[in-house]
C-alpha cells in the first residue's frame, strides 16, 4: 500500500482520493459567499428534488438548546480501548455511505465554527495516527483504505470524522479566516451565526441539522421517496399519532437496513404511557458504526455517528413532537430507547 504523504500544501484536501467523500470545491472555495459571510445557508448545493421537499424536511430548531441523546455509559467497558466488532457485517451501498459522510462534513461547514481547511488537516492527521493501529486490530482481515462500502473502513472513517469535529467544537471560533482559492488574498472572513455563539450548543445543533440535511439527501433518492414520502406526510398530518410514529420509524429503519447500514433493526417494547408519551426500543444488529461508537466515547467525543437516530429524531420533530433517545451498545448490537412526547 502506498504510504500516506506527510506534506500538507496550502488548501490541500485531506480526504482519501479513492473515497470521493467531499468534492474539491467544497473545501475552500464556496462560490456562493461574499467576501464576509454571516451564517451560511443550509440549503447550498441541493438537487431539484431536495429543494422541492425543503418545506417537508425543513430544519427545526426545537432541539438546539439542549440534548435529545443520552449515552448509557458503562464506565468499565468504556475505559478499555475500542474492541473489534465481533460480527460479520453487510456492505453498504456506496452512494448511501457517501450521503452519510457528506452530511457530516456539510453540516459542520454550514455551522461556521472551524475553517474547513483546518478541519481537513486535523481530520487527515487523526486518520494517519489511527490507521495502522486500526488495521492491526482486524489483522489478518484486510481493511481497504478508501473503500467506504466496506463496513470496516466506514466504521473507521466515520469515527475519525466525528472525533475531529467534536474536538473542533470545543474550541469553536466565532470569527475566522478560511482558505479561498478564488479570493485575492487567498482567504475570506467568516462569522458564525449569532444563535450558535455558545460552543456548548454546537453538539445539539449539529445532531439536529445533520438529521435534517441527511433527510434531504435521502429524499433525493428515488427509492427512499417511494417508500417514505407517504408515511412522513401521514405522520405530519396526524400530528404525531403513535401508530404513525411507529410506522414511519419502522420504514426508515428498514430503509437503512436495505442500504447495508445494519444487518437488522427491529422495534420492540412499545408502551403508550398515561401522560400521552410513546416509548419504544430499537435493536440493531451489526450496525456500520459500532467501532466508531466505542472510539468516540472512549475519546470523550460530544457527538456520535448515529445517523439513523438523527434522521428519526428530525422526522419526529416535523410533526411537532419532542423526541429523546438513549443508546447503549456491545460489540455486536446497538440498542436505542426512545421517548416521544
Protein backbone atom coordinates (compact mmCIF):
# COMPACT_ATOMS: atom_id res chain seq x y z
CA UNK A 1 0.00 0.00 0.00
CA UNK A 2 1.28 3.48 -0.84
CA UNK A 3 2.19 5.32 2.38
CA UNK A 4 0.33 8.49 3.25
CA UNK A 5 2.06 11.65 2.08
CA UNK A 6 3.01 13.77 5.10
CA UNK A 7 3.28 17.02 3.15
CA UNK A 8 0.33 19.39 3.56
CA UNK A 9 0.29 22.11 0.89
CA UNK A 10 -1.89 25.13 1.50
CA UNK A 11 -5.52 24.50 0.66
CA UNK A 12 -4.97 20.79 0.12
CA UNK A 13 -7.73 18.32 0.82
CA UNK A 14 -7.10 15.60 3.36
CA UNK A 15 -9.61 13.08 2.04
CA UNK A 16 -8.70 9.66 0.69
CA UNK A 17 -8.61 10.18 -3.10
CA UNK A 18 -10.45 6.90 -3.67
CA UNK A 19 -13.21 7.70 -1.19
CA UNK A 20 -14.53 10.76 -3.08
CA UNK A 21 -16.28 11.90 0.08
CA UNK A 22 -16.05 15.66 -0.43
CA UNK A 23 -15.95 17.48 -3.76
CA UNK A 24 -12.84 19.64 -4.29
CA UNK A 25 -14.67 22.93 -4.45
CA UNK A 26 -16.33 22.25 -1.08
CA UNK A 27 -13.05 22.54 0.80
CA UNK A 28 -12.25 26.17 0.43
CA UNK A 29 -13.99 27.82 -2.50
CA UNK A 30 -17.61 28.49 -1.54
CA UNK A 31 -18.61 30.36 -4.66
CA UNK A 32 -21.94 31.47 -3.26
CA UNK A 33 -20.38 33.55 -0.47
CA UNK A 34 -19.46 37.19 -0.42
CA UNK A 35 -16.08 38.30 0.99
CA UNK A 36 -17.53 38.34 4.51
CA UNK A 37 -20.26 35.86 5.38
CA UNK A 38 -22.51 35.68 8.45
CA UNK A 39 -24.13 32.25 8.80
CA UNK A 40 -24.11 30.17 5.63
CA UNK A 41 -27.34 28.97 4.11
CA UNK A 42 -28.02 25.35 4.96
CA UNK A 43 -29.57 24.56 1.58
CA UNK A 44 -26.49 25.01 -0.61
CA UNK A 45 -25.98 22.61 -3.48
CA UNK A 46 -29.40 20.97 -3.13
CA UNK A 47 -30.72 18.99 -6.05
CA UNK A 48 -34.16 19.79 -7.53
CA UNK A 49 -35.98 17.09 -5.58
CA UNK A 50 -34.30 18.19 -2.35
CA UNK A 51 -35.44 21.76 -2.94
CA UNK A 52 -38.97 20.56 -3.65
CA UNK A 53 -39.00 18.74 -0.31
CA UNK A 54 -37.44 21.57 1.68
CA UNK A 55 -40.76 22.52 3.30
CA UNK A 56 -41.42 18.92 4.25
CA UNK A 57 -37.97 18.36 5.75
CA UNK A 58 -37.05 21.88 6.88
CA UNK A 59 -34.69 22.27 9.81
CA UNK A 60 -36.41 22.51 13.19
CA UNK A 61 -34.52 24.27 15.97
CA UNK A 62 -36.60 22.79 18.78
CA UNK A 63 -33.73 20.61 19.96
CA UNK A 64 -30.86 23.09 19.56
CA UNK A 65 -30.89 24.34 23.15
CA UNK A 66 -30.50 21.01 24.91
CA UNK A 67 -29.62 17.35 24.38
CA UNK A 68 -32.02 14.82 22.96
CA UNK A 69 -29.47 12.00 23.09
CA UNK A 70 -28.28 10.21 26.22
CA UNK A 71 -25.47 7.66 26.16
CA UNK A 72 -25.79 4.96 28.80
CA UNK A 73 -22.16 4.80 29.81
CA UNK A 74 -20.72 1.55 31.10
CA UNK A 75 -17.56 3.10 32.52
CA UNK A 76 -15.53 -0.11 32.95
CA UNK A 77 -16.32 -1.04 29.34
CA UNK A 78 -15.55 2.46 28.03
CA UNK A 79 -12.26 2.64 29.91
CA UNK A 80 -10.85 -0.07 27.65
CA UNK A 81 -9.59 0.60 24.12
CA UNK A 82 -12.22 0.07 21.41
CA UNK A 83 -12.64 -3.60 20.60
CA UNK A 84 -13.13 -5.07 17.12
CA UNK A 85 -16.71 -5.70 16.07
CA UNK A 86 -17.49 -9.36 16.73
CA UNK A 87 -19.93 -9.97 13.90
CA UNK A 88 -19.65 -10.05 10.09
CA UNK A 89 -21.49 -7.06 8.66
CA UNK A 90 -23.08 -6.21 5.35
CA UNK A 91 -21.51 -3.99 2.73
CA UNK A 92 -23.03 -0.52 2.47
CA UNK A 93 -24.29 0.86 -0.81
CA UNK A 94 -21.64 3.34 -1.85
CA UNK A 95 -23.98 6.24 -2.67
CA UNK A 96 -25.68 5.86 0.70
CA UNK A 97 -22.35 5.79 2.56
CA UNK A 98 -21.26 8.91 0.69
CA UNK A 99 -24.51 10.66 1.67
CA UNK A 100 -23.87 9.90 5.35
CA UNK A 101 -20.30 11.17 5.32
CA UNK A 102 -21.04 14.22 3.18
CA UNK A 103 -23.88 15.19 5.51
CA UNK A 104 -21.49 15.34 8.45
CA UNK A 105 -18.98 17.45 6.56
CA UNK A 106 -21.54 19.80 5.03
CA UNK A 107 -23.37 20.28 8.34
CA UNK A 108 -20.14 21.30 10.07
CA UNK A 109 -19.27 23.56 7.15
CA UNK A 110 -22.63 25.35 7.39
CA UNK A 111 -22.27 25.97 11.14
CA UNK A 112 -19.09 28.05 10.81
CA UNK A 113 -17.19 27.03 13.93
CA UNK A 114 -13.92 25.99 12.25
CA UNK A 115 -12.14 26.84 8.99
CA UNK A 116 -12.78 23.79 6.84
CA UNK A 117 -9.20 23.74 5.57
CA UNK A 118 -8.11 23.43 9.22
CA UNK A 119 -10.68 20.71 9.85
CA UNK A 120 -9.47 18.76 6.83
CA UNK A 121 -5.89 18.94 8.07
CA UNK A 122 -6.81 17.77 11.59
CA UNK A 123 -9.04 15.06 10.09
CA UNK A 124 -6.14 13.81 7.99
CA UNK A 125 -3.67 13.89 10.89
CA UNK A 126 -6.07 11.95 13.13
CA UNK A 127 -6.62 9.31 10.47
CA UNK A 128 -2.90 8.99 9.83
CA UNK A 129 -2.25 8.40 13.54
CA UNK A 130 -5.02 5.83 13.95
CA UNK A 131 -4.86 3.96 10.64
CA UNK A 132 -2.11 1.42 11.37
CA UNK A 133 -3.41 0.51 14.87
CA UNK A 134 -6.88 0.05 13.35
CA UNK A 135 -5.59 -2.28 10.63
CA UNK A 136 -3.72 -4.32 13.23
CA UNK A 137 -6.93 -4.64 15.24
CA UNK A 138 -8.53 -6.66 12.41
CA UNK A 139 -5.44 -8.44 11.14
CA UNK A 140 -5.39 -10.76 9.16
CA UNK A 141 -8.56 -9.26 7.65
CA UNK A 142 -7.57 -6.59 5.14
CA UNK A 143 -9.24 -3.18 5.53
CA UNK A 144 -9.03 -1.41 2.18
CA UNK A 145 -8.34 2.30 2.57
CA UNK A 146 -10.93 4.49 0.84
CA UNK A 147 -13.50 1.71 0.25
CA UNK A 148 -16.41 3.26 2.12
CA UNK A 149 -18.81 0.46 1.15
CA UNK A 150 -16.72 -1.81 3.41
CA UNK A 151 -18.24 -1.54 6.92
CA UNK A 152 -14.76 -1.87 8.44
CA UNK A 153 -13.50 1.20 6.61
CA UNK A 154 -16.77 3.13 7.02
CA UNK A 155 -16.59 2.46 10.76
CA UNK A 156 -13.08 3.90 10.84
CA UNK A 157 -13.67 6.98 8.71
CA UNK A 158 -16.89 7.97 10.49
CA UNK A 159 -15.13 7.68 13.85
CA UNK A 160 -12.32 9.93 12.64
CA UNK A 161 -14.74 12.50 11.23
CA UNK A 162 -16.91 12.76 14.35
CA UNK A 163 -13.99 12.71 16.79
CA UNK A 164 -12.25 15.51 14.87
CA UNK A 165 -15.42 17.58 14.66
CA UNK A 166 -16.05 17.17 18.39
CA UNK A 167 -12.57 18.45 19.19
CA UNK A 168 -13.10 21.47 16.95
CA UNK A 169 -16.49 22.24 18.51
CA UNK A 170 -14.97 22.60 21.97
CA UNK A 171 -12.65 25.29 20.67
CA UNK A 172 -15.02 26.71 18.11
CA UNK A 173 -14.12 30.03 16.51
CA UNK A 174 -16.56 32.94 16.35
CA UNK A 175 -14.79 34.78 13.53
CA UNK A 176 -12.05 33.27 11.39
CA UNK A 177 -10.23 33.35 8.10
CA UNK A 178 -10.80 30.41 5.77
CA UNK A 179 -8.72 29.45 2.76
CA UNK A 180 -10.30 30.56 -0.50
CA UNK A 181 -8.68 29.58 -3.76
CA UNK A 182 -10.51 32.28 -5.74
CA UNK A 183 -10.04 35.20 -3.34
CA UNK A 184 -7.42 37.87 -3.92
CA UNK A 185 -5.78 37.34 -0.52
CA UNK A 186 -6.35 33.55 -0.58
CA UNK A 187 -8.83 33.72 2.30
CA UNK A 188 -12.23 35.07 3.26
CA UNK A 189 -13.54 36.17 6.64
CA UNK A 190 -16.33 34.06 8.19
CA UNK A 191 -18.55 34.94 11.16
CA UNK A 192 -20.60 32.34 12.99
CA UNK A 193 -24.38 32.61 13.24
CA UNK A 194 -25.13 34.59 16.46
CA UNK A 195 -27.63 31.92 17.58
CA UNK A 196 -24.73 29.45 17.84
CA UNK A 197 -22.15 31.62 19.59
CA UNK A 198 -22.09 29.31 22.63
CA UNK A 199 -19.83 26.35 21.83
CA UNK A 200 -21.83 24.21 24.27
CA UNK A 201 -24.80 24.41 21.89
CA UNK A 202 -22.88 23.11 18.90
CA UNK A 203 -23.24 19.34 19.52
CA UNK A 204 -27.02 19.55 19.93
CA UNK A 205 -27.42 21.80 16.90
CA UNK A 206 -25.14 19.51 14.89
CA UNK A 207 -27.30 16.44 15.64
CA UNK A 208 -30.47 18.25 14.63
CA UNK A 209 -29.09 19.87 11.50
CA UNK A 210 -27.34 16.74 10.29
CA UNK A 211 -30.61 14.84 10.62
CA UNK A 212 -32.36 17.48 8.52
CA UNK A 213 -29.62 17.57 5.90
CA UNK A 214 -29.39 13.80 5.62
CA UNK A 215 -33.16 13.51 5.26
CA UNK A 216 -33.00 15.96 2.37
CA UNK A 217 -30.28 13.90 0.72
CA UNK A 218 -32.32 10.73 1.15
CA UNK A 219 -35.36 12.48 -0.32
CA UNK A 220 -33.25 12.98 -3.43
CA UNK A 221 -33.04 9.18 -3.80
CA UNK A 222 -35.99 7.79 -5.71
CA UNK A 223 -36.26 4.54 -3.76
CA UNK A 224 -36.44 6.48 -0.47
CA UNK A 225 -39.16 8.81 -1.75
CA UNK A 226 -41.24 5.89 -2.99
CA UNK A 227 -41.17 4.23 0.43
CA UNK A 228 -41.03 7.09 2.93
CA UNK A 229 -42.71 10.17 1.50
CA UNK A 230 -46.26 8.93 2.13
CA UNK A 231 -45.58 7.81 5.69
CA UNK A 232 -43.78 11.08 6.56
CA UNK A 233 -46.66 13.13 5.19
CA UNK A 234 -49.17 10.98 7.11
CA UNK A 235 -47.13 11.49 10.28
CA UNK A 236 -47.25 15.27 9.87
CA UNK A 237 -50.98 15.29 9.08
CA UNK A 238 -51.85 13.21 12.14
CA UNK A 239 -49.77 15.44 14.43
CA UNK A 240 -47.64 12.52 15.52
CA UNK A 241 -50.14 9.77 16.27
CA UNK A 242 -48.32 6.87 17.92
CA UNK A 243 -49.19 4.43 15.15
CA UNK A 244 -47.80 6.82 12.54
CA UNK A 245 -44.62 7.47 14.54
CA UNK A 246 -44.01 3.73 14.74
CA UNK A 247 -44.83 3.10 11.08
CA UNK A 248 -42.58 5.93 9.89
CA UNK A 249 -39.76 4.86 12.22
CA UNK A 250 -40.04 1.26 11.05
CA UNK A 251 -39.91 2.32 7.39
CA UNK A 252 -36.82 4.49 7.95
CA UNK A 253 -35.02 1.73 9.83
CA UNK A 254 -35.87 -0.80 7.12
CA UNK A 255 -34.53 1.58 4.50
CA UNK A 256 -31.24 1.93 6.37
CA UNK A 257 -31.02 -1.87 6.58
CA UNK A 258 -31.70 -2.17 2.84
CA UNK A 259 -28.68 0.09 2.22
CA UNK A 260 -26.41 -2.12 4.33
CA UNK A 261 -26.30 0.15 7.40
CA UNK A 262 -27.19 -2.77 9.68
CA UNK A 263 -27.93 -6.48 9.45
CA UNK A 264 -31.33 -5.89 11.02
CA UNK A 265 -33.18 -3.24 13.04
CA UNK A 266 -36.31 -4.14 14.98
CA UNK A 267 -38.75 -2.04 17.01
CA UNK A 268 -39.83 -3.58 20.30
CA UNK A 269 -41.04 -2.87 23.86
CA UNK A 270 -43.77 -0.45 22.73
CA UNK A 271 -45.53 1.38 25.56
CA UNK A 272 -48.03 4.25 25.42
CA UNK A 273 -47.92 5.92 28.82
CA UNK A 274 -50.85 7.62 30.56
CA UNK A 275 -49.21 11.01 30.07
CA UNK A 276 -49.55 10.51 26.30
CA UNK A 277 -45.89 9.78 25.67
CA UNK A 278 -44.78 6.94 23.43
CA UNK A 279 -41.90 4.72 24.47
CA UNK A 280 -40.23 2.13 22.29
CA UNK A 281 -36.87 0.49 21.71
CA UNK A 282 -34.87 -0.21 18.58
CA UNK A 283 -32.34 -3.03 18.49
CA UNK A 284 -29.89 -3.03 15.57
CA UNK A 285 -27.62 -5.98 14.87
CA UNK A 286 -24.27 -5.23 13.29
CA UNK A 287 -24.69 -1.51 12.51
CA UNK A 288 -21.92 0.01 10.41
CA UNK A 289 -20.68 2.35 13.15
CA UNK A 290 -20.25 0.01 16.15
CA UNK A 291 -16.49 0.52 16.44
CA UNK A 292 -16.92 4.25 15.83
CA UNK A 293 -19.26 4.49 18.83
CA UNK A 294 -16.65 2.83 21.04
CA UNK A 295 -13.86 5.03 19.69
CA UNK A 296 -15.74 8.31 20.02
CA UNK A 297 -16.98 7.52 23.52
CA UNK A 298 -13.56 6.37 24.75
CA UNK A 299 -12.09 9.62 23.40
CA UNK A 300 -14.74 11.78 25.11
CA UNK A 301 -16.44 12.90 21.90
CA UNK A 302 -19.53 15.07 22.35
CA UNK A 303 -21.09 13.74 19.14
CA UNK A 304 -21.58 10.16 17.95
CA UNK A 305 -22.18 8.88 14.38
CA UNK A 306 -25.74 7.71 14.96
CA UNK A 307 -27.16 8.52 11.55
CA UNK A 308 -30.43 6.63 11.88
CA UNK A 309 -31.06 8.24 15.29
CA UNK A 310 -30.56 11.71 13.84
CA UNK A 311 -32.92 11.12 10.92
CA UNK A 312 -35.59 9.55 13.16
CA UNK A 313 -35.34 12.44 15.61
CA UNK A 314 -35.74 15.03 12.87
CA UNK A 315 -38.71 13.26 11.26
CA UNK A 316 -40.49 13.02 14.63
CA UNK A 317 -39.90 16.74 15.22
CA UNK A 318 -41.57 17.56 11.91
CA UNK A 319 -44.95 16.62 13.38
CA UNK A 320 -44.46 18.84 16.44
CA UNK A 321 -43.40 16.09 18.84
CA UNK A 322 -40.31 16.16 21.04
CA UNK A 323 -38.17 13.01 20.86
CA UNK A 324 -35.42 11.87 23.18
CA UNK A 325 -33.22 8.83 22.80
CA UNK A 326 -30.81 6.86 24.96
CA UNK A 327 -28.29 4.49 23.40
CA UNK A 328 -26.12 1.65 24.59
CA UNK A 329 -24.09 -0.89 22.67
CA UNK A 330 -21.97 -4.01 22.70
CA UNK A 331 -19.52 -5.26 20.08
CA UNK A 332 -22.45 -6.80 18.16
CA UNK A 333 -25.58 -4.70 18.79
CA UNK A 334 -26.86 -1.16 19.35
CA UNK A 335 -29.98 -0.54 21.46
CA UNK A 336 -31.92 2.72 21.28
CA UNK A 337 -34.53 3.70 23.86
CA UNK A 338 -36.99 6.30 22.51
CA UNK A 339 -39.46 8.56 24.27
CA UNK A 340 -41.77 10.81 22.23
CA UNK A 341 -43.87 13.48 23.94
